Amino acid sequence: MYTEARIILASQSPRRKQLLEQAGIPFEVRVIETAETFPPELAIADIPVHIARQKAVAVSALCGPTDIIIAADTVVVLDDTIIGKPKDREDAIRILSLLSGREHQVITGVVIQHTGRETAFSKTTTVHFKPLTQEQVVYYVDHYQPFDKAGAYAIQEWIGAVGIDSIHGCFYNVMGLPVSRVVEELAAFRN
């Protein structure tokens, strides 16, 4: 199905790798460390696309002219404020305590580049946590160490099973990649 051009995933995320594998997309991983910075006037929904584009541009130096580059970035937004990755254990506990009993948005920005063409989009999913006890929050942080995850959690882990009571939108977007939209966009690149 995907044999004409080599697909490069510009991400170290094991969740993004897993989702592309589940979709049957052959790919290689190439990563160059990039600063996840953005202009302060940028709208929140545009920030993950901006950061994904930085990742794609950085990795393009390692790719051939016919390679397809997929880059993504995910942010968690609570009350119009981006909640990043936790700095340490205490910060993870603080973040999950903020999310407890509340609704937040998960926005993933995706950039796909191929032979001078680019498609960029973002997908938003709304997630609601039940009220979490301090014991649940500490258990999750100590057993799952979500320090590399925006919002200090992964929906597919224990906290998602016991703490999330509703989502509106794409589940896989919360994992880090709206994979059905990525598959659709890859098909459009091939036509």
Protein backbone atom coordinates (compact mmCIF):
# COMPACT_ATOMS: atom_id res chain seq x y z
CA MET A 1 0.00 0.00 0.00
CA TYR A 2 2.80 2.45 0.92
CA THR A 3 5.69 1.42 -1.32
CA GLU A 4 6.48 4.37 -3.62
CA ALA A 5 8.28 6.68 -1.19
CA ARG A 6 10.04 6.12 2.09
CA ILE A 7 8.08 7.50 5.05
CA ILE A 8 10.05 9.18 7.83
CA LEU A 9 8.54 9.75 11.27
CA ALA A 10 10.19 12.78 12.88
CA SER A 11 9.36 11.68 16.42
CA GLN A 12 10.79 9.48 19.14
CA SER A 13 7.35 8.93 20.65
CA PRO A 14 6.71 5.21 21.16
CA ARG A 15 2.98 5.94 20.95
CA ARG A 16 3.26 7.56 17.51
CA LYS A 17 5.38 4.64 16.32
CA GLN A 18 2.80 2.18 17.64
CA LEU A 19 -0.07 3.99 15.90
CA LEU A 20 1.68 4.06 12.51
CA GLU A 21 2.51 0.38 12.89
CA GLN A 22 -1.14 -0.40 13.72
CA ALA A 23 -2.15 1.45 10.54
CA GLY A 24 0.20 -0.78 8.51
CA ILE A 25 2.41 2.10 7.43
CA PRO A 26 6.08 1.19 6.93
CA PHE A 27 8.32 3.97 8.22
CA GLU A 28 11.70 4.86 9.64
CA VAL A 29 12.35 7.13 12.59
CA ARG A 30 14.65 10.11 12.22
CA VAL A 31 14.93 12.73 14.93
CA ILE A 32 16.89 15.90 15.42
CA GLU A 33 16.48 17.64 18.75
CA THR A 34 14.59 20.89 18.18
CA ALA A 35 13.61 23.70 20.50
CA GLU A 36 9.86 23.54 21.04
CA THR A 37 9.46 27.30 20.86
CA PHE A 38 6.80 29.44 19.24
CA PRO A 39 5.96 33.12 18.78
CA PRO A 40 4.01 34.45 21.79
CA GLU A 41 1.21 35.86 19.60
CA LEU A 42 0.47 32.46 18.02
CA ALA A 43 -3.03 31.10 18.69
CA ILE A 44 -2.99 28.03 20.94
CA ALA A 45 -4.45 25.77 18.21
CA ASP A 46 -1.57 26.77 15.89
CA ILE A 47 1.24 26.06 18.38
CA PRO A 48 1.47 22.26 17.90
CA VAL A 49 1.47 22.72 14.11
CA HIS A 50 4.27 25.30 14.41
CA ILE A 51 6.36 22.96 16.57
CA ALA A 52 5.65 19.98 14.28
CA ARG A 53 6.82 22.05 11.31
CA GLN A 54 10.09 22.83 13.15
CA LYS A 55 10.61 19.09 13.67
CA ALA A 56 9.89 18.32 10.00
CA VAL A 57 12.26 21.02 8.74
CA ALA A 58 15.04 19.85 11.06
CA VAL A 59 14.70 16.21 9.95
CA SER A 60 14.46 17.10 6.25
CA ALA A 61 18.26 17.55 6.21
CA LEU A 62 18.57 13.80 6.93
CA CYS A 63 16.09 12.74 4.25
CA GLY A 64 16.13 12.12 0.53
CA PRO A 65 14.24 14.31 -1.95
CA THR A 66 11.38 11.84 -2.37
CA ASP A 67 10.92 10.94 1.31
CA ILE A 68 7.64 11.73 3.03
CA ILE A 69 8.18 13.33 6.44
CA ILE A 70 5.55 13.09 9.18
CA ALA A 71 6.04 15.30 12.25
CA ALA A 72 3.66 15.86 15.14
CA ASP A 73 3.40 17.68 18.44
CA THR A 74 0.75 17.42 21.15
CA VAL A 75 -0.28 19.98 23.74
CA VAL A 76 -2.75 19.79 26.60
CA VAL A 77 -4.81 22.92 27.21
CA LEU A 78 -6.63 23.76 30.44
CA ASP A 79 -8.46 27.09 30.75
CA ASP A 80 -6.69 28.49 27.66
CA THR A 81 -3.29 27.65 29.15
CA ILE A 82 -0.90 25.07 27.72
CA ILE A 83 0.03 22.38 30.23
CA GLY A 84 3.38 21.01 29.17
CA LYS A 85 5.36 17.98 30.19
CA PRO A 86 6.04 17.79 33.93
CA LYS A 87 9.47 18.87 35.14
CA ASP A 88 9.56 16.26 37.91
CA ARG A 89 7.43 14.11 40.22
CA GLU A 90 5.97 17.03 42.15
CA ASP A 91 5.07 18.85 38.94
CA ALA A 92 3.33 15.73 37.57
CA ILE A 93 1.28 15.47 40.77
CA ARG A 94 0.42 19.19 40.52
CA ILE A 95 -0.67 18.89 36.87
CA LEU A 96 -2.87 15.83 37.44
CA SER A 97 -4.41 17.51 40.48
CA LEU A 98 -5.28 20.48 38.24
CA LEU A 99 -6.89 18.18 35.65
CA SER A 100 -8.84 16.23 38.28
CA GLY A 101 -12.60 16.65 37.95
CA ARG A 102 -12.23 18.94 34.95
CA GLU A 103 -12.38 19.06 31.19
CA HIS A 104 -9.37 19.90 29.04
CA GLN A 105 -8.40 19.80 25.39
CA VAL A 106 -5.67 17.77 23.73
CA ILE A 107 -4.47 19.32 20.47
CA THR A 108 -2.13 17.47 18.14
CA GLY A 109 -0.55 19.32 15.25
CA VAL A 110 0.66 17.30 12.27
CA VAL A 111 2.85 18.35 9.35
CA ILE A 112 3.43 16.06 6.36
CA GLN A 113 6.01 17.12 3.77
CA HIS A 114 6.84 15.54 0.43
CA THR A 115 8.71 16.91 -2.61
CA GLY A 116 8.02 20.56 -1.86
CA ARG A 117 4.41 20.00 -0.80
CA GLU A 118 3.15 20.32 2.72
CA THR A 119 -0.09 19.61 4.49
CA ALA A 120 -0.57 20.80 8.05
CA PHE A 121 -3.52 20.40 10.39
CA SER A 122 -4.46 20.12 14.02
CA LYS A 123 -7.00 17.92 15.71
CA THR A 124 -8.64 18.68 19.06
CA THR A 125 -10.10 16.15 21.48
CA THR A 126 -11.88 17.13 24.70
CA VAL A 127 -11.13 14.92 27.71
CA HIS A 128 -12.87 14.90 31.09
CA PHE A 129 -11.29 13.46 34.23
CA LYS A 130 -13.41 12.26 37.13
CA PRO A 131 -12.33 13.73 40.47
CA LEU A 132 -9.11 11.90 41.34
CA THR A 133 -7.97 11.20 44.88
CA GLN A 134 -4.49 12.25 45.93
CA GLU A 135 -3.74 8.55 46.39
CA GLN A 136 -4.70 7.81 42.76
CA VAL A 137 -2.59 10.67 41.45
CA VAL A 138 0.48 9.66 43.47
CA TYR A 139 0.03 5.97 42.53
CA TYR A 140 -0.08 6.83 38.82
CA VAL A 141 2.91 9.17 38.93
CA ASP A 142 5.03 6.75 40.97
CA HIS A 143 4.14 3.64 38.93
CA TYR A 144 3.96 5.10 35.40
CA GLN A 145 6.36 8.09 35.64
CA PRO A 146 4.60 10.22 32.98
CA PHE A 147 7.40 12.77 32.76
CA ASP A 148 7.65 12.68 28.95
CA LYS A 149 3.93 13.23 28.40
CA ALA A 150 2.07 16.48 27.83
CA GLY A 151 -0.42 16.89 30.65
CA ALA A 152 1.45 14.27 32.73
CA TYR A 153 -0.66 11.34 31.55
CA ALA A 154 -1.21 8.77 28.83
CA ILE A 155 -4.84 7.90 28.13
CA GLN A 156 -3.98 4.28 27.32
CA GLU A 157 -2.41 3.72 30.74
CA TRP A 158 -4.00 3.03 34.15
CA ILE A 159 -5.02 6.65 34.71
CA GLY A 160 -7.12 6.62 31.54
CA ALA A 161 -8.95 3.46 32.57
CA VAL A 162 -9.80 4.64 36.08
CA GLY A 163 -9.80 8.42 35.77
CA ILE A 164 -11.22 9.48 32.42
CA ASP A 165 -14.98 9.32 32.18
CA SER A 166 -15.50 10.88 28.75
CA ILE A 167 -13.77 12.02 25.61
CA HIS A 168 -15.20 13.91 22.68
CA GLY A 169 -13.15 13.40 19.54
CA CYS A 170 -10.38 11.08 18.44
CA PHE A 171 -8.96 8.74 21.11
CA TYR A 172 -5.75 8.27 19.12
CA ASN A 173 -5.27 12.02 19.00
CA VAL A 174 -4.93 11.95 22.79
CA MET A 175 -2.27 9.25 22.37
CA GLY A 176 -0.35 11.67 20.15
CA LEU A 177 -1.42 11.10 16.54
CA PRO A 178 -4.81 11.36 14.82
CA VAL A 179 -3.85 8.33 12.77
CA SER A 180 -6.97 8.06 10.60
CA ARG A 181 -6.46 11.63 9.37
CA VAL A 182 -2.74 10.92 8.77
CA VAL A 183 -3.66 7.88 6.65
CA GLU A 184 -6.13 10.01 4.69
CA GLU A 185 -3.53 12.73 4.08
CA LEU A 186 -0.89 10.21 3.01
CA ALA A 187 -3.33 8.81 0.45
CA ALA A 188 -3.87 12.34 -0.90
CA PHE A 189 -0.11 12.81 -1.28
CA ARG A 190 0.03 9.67 -3.41
CA ASN A 191 -2.60 10.96 -5.85
